[in-house]
């Protein structure tokens, strides 16, 4: 929203179905880690800036981002699976 890009336009620009970004925003699906990086690139933001917020949430996001920087891809995939399970 801050970039003034509609969910529909972003979905199409990224080469996905019309509802792709809407499903992510609504919490019905999660992008792969690779897709997340494409989304960050599309929005011209770093992954840490993507999660940046105000106050404690921002600090927690920065701490999490710092912890995962050097994790191997297989561990990142496991972490993403865990996040999905926690959210459901």
C-alpha atoms as a PDB file:
ATOM      1  CA  UNK A   1       0.000   0.000   0.000  1.00  0.00           C
ATOM      2  CA  UNK A   2       2.806   2.400   0.860  1.00  0.00           C
ATOM      3  CA  UNK A   3       4.245   1.939  -2.632  1.00  0.00           C
ATOM      4  CA  UNK A   4       0.881   2.601  -4.295  1.00  0.00           C
ATOM      5  CA  UNK A   5       0.821  -0.775  -6.025  1.00  0.00           C
ATOM      6  CA  UNK A   6      -2.365  -2.828  -6.171  1.00  0.00           C
ATOM      7  CA  UNK A   7      -2.361  -6.485  -5.188  1.00  0.00           C
ATOM      8  CA  UNK A   8      -3.600  -7.346  -8.675  1.00  0.00           C
ATOM      9  CA  UNK A   9      -0.824  -5.449 -10.450  1.00  0.00           C
ATOM     10  CA  UNK A  10       1.841  -6.886  -8.198  1.00  0.00           C
ATOM     11  CA  UNK A  11       0.522 -10.436  -8.679  1.00  0.00           C
ATOM     12  CA  UNK A  12       0.586 -10.036 -12.441  1.00  0.00           C
ATOM     13  CA  UNK A  13       3.975  -8.304 -12.492  1.00  0.00           C
ATOM     14  CA  UNK A  14       5.452 -11.194 -10.495  1.00  0.00           C
ATOM     15  CA  UNK A  15       3.973 -13.661 -12.977  1.00  0.00           C
ATOM     16  CA  UNK A  16       1.308 -15.181 -10.749  1.00  0.00           C
ATOM     17  CA  UNK A  17      -2.464 -15.508 -10.722  1.00  0.00           C
ATOM     18  CA  UNK A  18      -4.543 -12.405 -10.045  1.00  0.00           C
ATOM     19  CA  UNK A  19      -5.162 -13.342  -6.398  1.00  0.00           C
ATOM     20  CA  UNK A  20      -1.603 -14.383  -5.488  1.00  0.00           C
ATOM     21  CA  UNK A  21      -0.656 -11.333  -3.408  1.00  0.00           C
ATOM     22  CA  UNK A  22      -4.159 -11.042  -1.955  1.00  0.00           C
ATOM     23  CA  UNK A  23      -3.888 -14.573  -0.557  1.00  0.00           C
ATOM     24  CA  UNK A  24      -0.543 -13.719   1.031  1.00  0.00           C
ATOM     25  CA  UNK A  25      -1.828 -10.452   2.514  1.00  0.00           C
ATOM     26  CA  UNK A  26      -4.931 -12.226   3.835  1.00  0.00           C
ATOM     27  CA  UNK A  27      -2.768 -14.902   5.488  1.00  0.00           C
ATOM     28  CA  UNK A  28      -4.211 -17.724   3.390  1.00  0.00           C
ATOM     29  CA  UNK A  29      -0.864 -18.615   1.843  1.00  0.00           C
ATOM     30  CA  UNK A  30       2.807 -17.840   2.285  1.00  0.00           C
ATOM     31  CA  UNK A  31       5.373 -17.234  -0.427  1.00  0.00           C
ATOM     32  CA  UNK A  32       8.417 -19.433  -0.661  1.00  0.00           C
ATOM     33  CA  UNK A  33      11.614 -17.871   0.601  1.00  0.00           C
ATOM     34  CA  UNK A  34      12.687 -17.295  -2.996  1.00  0.00           C
ATOM     35  CA  UNK A  35       9.360 -15.609  -3.791  1.00  0.00           C
ATOM     36  CA  UNK A  36       9.693 -13.479  -0.658  1.00  0.00           C
ATOM     37  CA  UNK A  37      13.009 -12.174  -1.978  1.00  0.00           C
ATOM     38  CA  UNK A  38      11.377 -11.465  -5.366  1.00  0.00           C
ATOM     39  CA  UNK A  39       8.645  -9.529  -3.560  1.00  0.00           C
ATOM     40  CA  UNK A  40      11.225  -7.509  -1.623  1.00  0.00           C
ATOM     41  CA  UNK A  41      13.087  -6.794  -4.861  1.00  0.00           C
ATOM     42  CA  UNK A  42       9.831  -5.781  -6.563  1.00  0.00           C
ATOM     43  CA  UNK A  43       9.024  -3.386  -3.716  1.00  0.00           C
ATOM     44  CA  UNK A  44      12.643  -2.175  -3.605  1.00  0.00           C
ATOM     45  CA  UNK A  45      12.994  -2.947   0.103  1.00  0.00           C
ATOM     46  CA  UNK A  46      15.408  -5.150   2.012  1.00  0.00           C
ATOM     47  CA  UNK A  47      13.955  -8.176   3.810  1.00  0.00           C
ATOM     48  CA  UNK A  48      14.682  -6.553   7.176  1.00  0.00           C
ATOM     49  CA  UNK A  49      12.994  -3.311   6.094  1.00  0.00           C
ATOM     50  CA  UNK A  50       9.999  -5.346   4.921  1.00  0.00           C
ATOM     51  CA  UNK A  51       9.435  -6.526   8.507  1.00  0.00           C
ATOM     52  CA  UNK A  52      10.377  -3.255  10.186  1.00  0.00           C
ATOM     53  CA  UNK A  53       7.636  -1.718  12.256  1.00  0.00           C
ATOM     54  CA  UNK A  54       7.394   0.474  15.277  1.00  0.00           C
ATOM     55  CA  UNK A  55       8.657  -0.102  18.775  1.00  0.00           C
ATOM     56  CA  UNK A  56       9.215  -3.598  20.124  1.00  0.00           C
ATOM     57  CA  UNK A  57       7.978  -5.331  16.975  1.00  0.00           C
ATOM     58  CA  UNK A  58      10.707  -3.618  14.999  1.00  0.00           C
ATOM     59  CA  UNK A  59      13.369  -4.693  17.476  1.00  0.00           C
ATOM     60  CA  UNK A  60      12.130  -8.280  17.478  1.00  0.00           C
ATOM     61  CA  UNK A  61      12.090  -8.390  13.680  1.00  0.00           C
ATOM     62  CA  UNK A  62      15.639  -7.038  13.574  1.00  0.00           C
ATOM     63  CA  UNK A  63      16.778  -9.637  16.110  1.00  0.00           C
ATOM     64  CA  UNK A  64      15.160 -12.467  14.149  1.00  0.00           C
ATOM     65  CA  UNK A  65      16.617 -11.206  10.889  1.00  0.00           C
ATOM     66  CA  UNK A  66      20.089 -11.028  12.424  1.00  0.00           C
ATOM     67  CA  UNK A  67      19.799 -14.587  13.742  1.00  0.00           C
ATOM     68  CA  UNK A  68      18.813 -16.100  10.404  1.00  0.00           C
ATOM     69  CA  UNK A  69      21.377 -14.319   8.224  1.00  0.00           C
ATOM     70  CA  UNK A  70      23.881 -17.175   8.219  1.00  0.00           C
ATOM     71  CA  UNK A  71      21.466 -20.098   8.385  1.00  0.00           C
ATOM     72  CA  UNK A  72      21.725 -22.691   5.620  1.00  0.00           C
ATOM     73  CA  UNK A  73      18.804 -22.861   3.192  1.00  0.00           C
ATOM     74  CA  UNK A  74      17.553 -26.206   4.536  1.00  0.00           C
ATOM     75  CA  UNK A  75      17.309 -24.742   8.037  1.00  0.00           C
ATOM     76  CA  UNK A  76      15.537 -21.653   6.690  1.00  0.00           C
ATOM     77  CA  UNK A  77      12.972 -23.922   5.039  1.00  0.00           C
ATOM     78  CA  UNK A  78      12.393 -25.700   8.363  1.00  0.00           C
ATOM     79  CA  UNK A  79      12.019 -22.352  10.109  1.00  0.00           C
ATOM     80  CA  UNK A  80       9.475 -21.233   7.526  1.00  0.00           C
ATOM     81  CA  UNK A  81       7.509 -24.473   8.045  1.00  0.00           C
ATOM     82  CA  UNK A  82       7.526 -23.832  11.801  1.00  0.00           C
ATOM     83  CA  UNK A  83       6.230 -20.295  11.279  1.00  0.00           C
ATOM     84  CA  UNK A  84       3.426 -21.661   9.121  1.00  0.00           C
ATOM     85  CA  UNK A  85       2.461 -24.175  11.828  1.00  0.00           C
ATOM     86  CA  UNK A  86       2.490 -21.518  14.539  1.00  0.00           C
ATOM     87  CA  UNK A  87       0.227 -19.244  12.488  1.00  0.00           C
ATOM     88  CA  UNK A  88      -2.419 -21.931  11.931  1.00  0.00           C
END
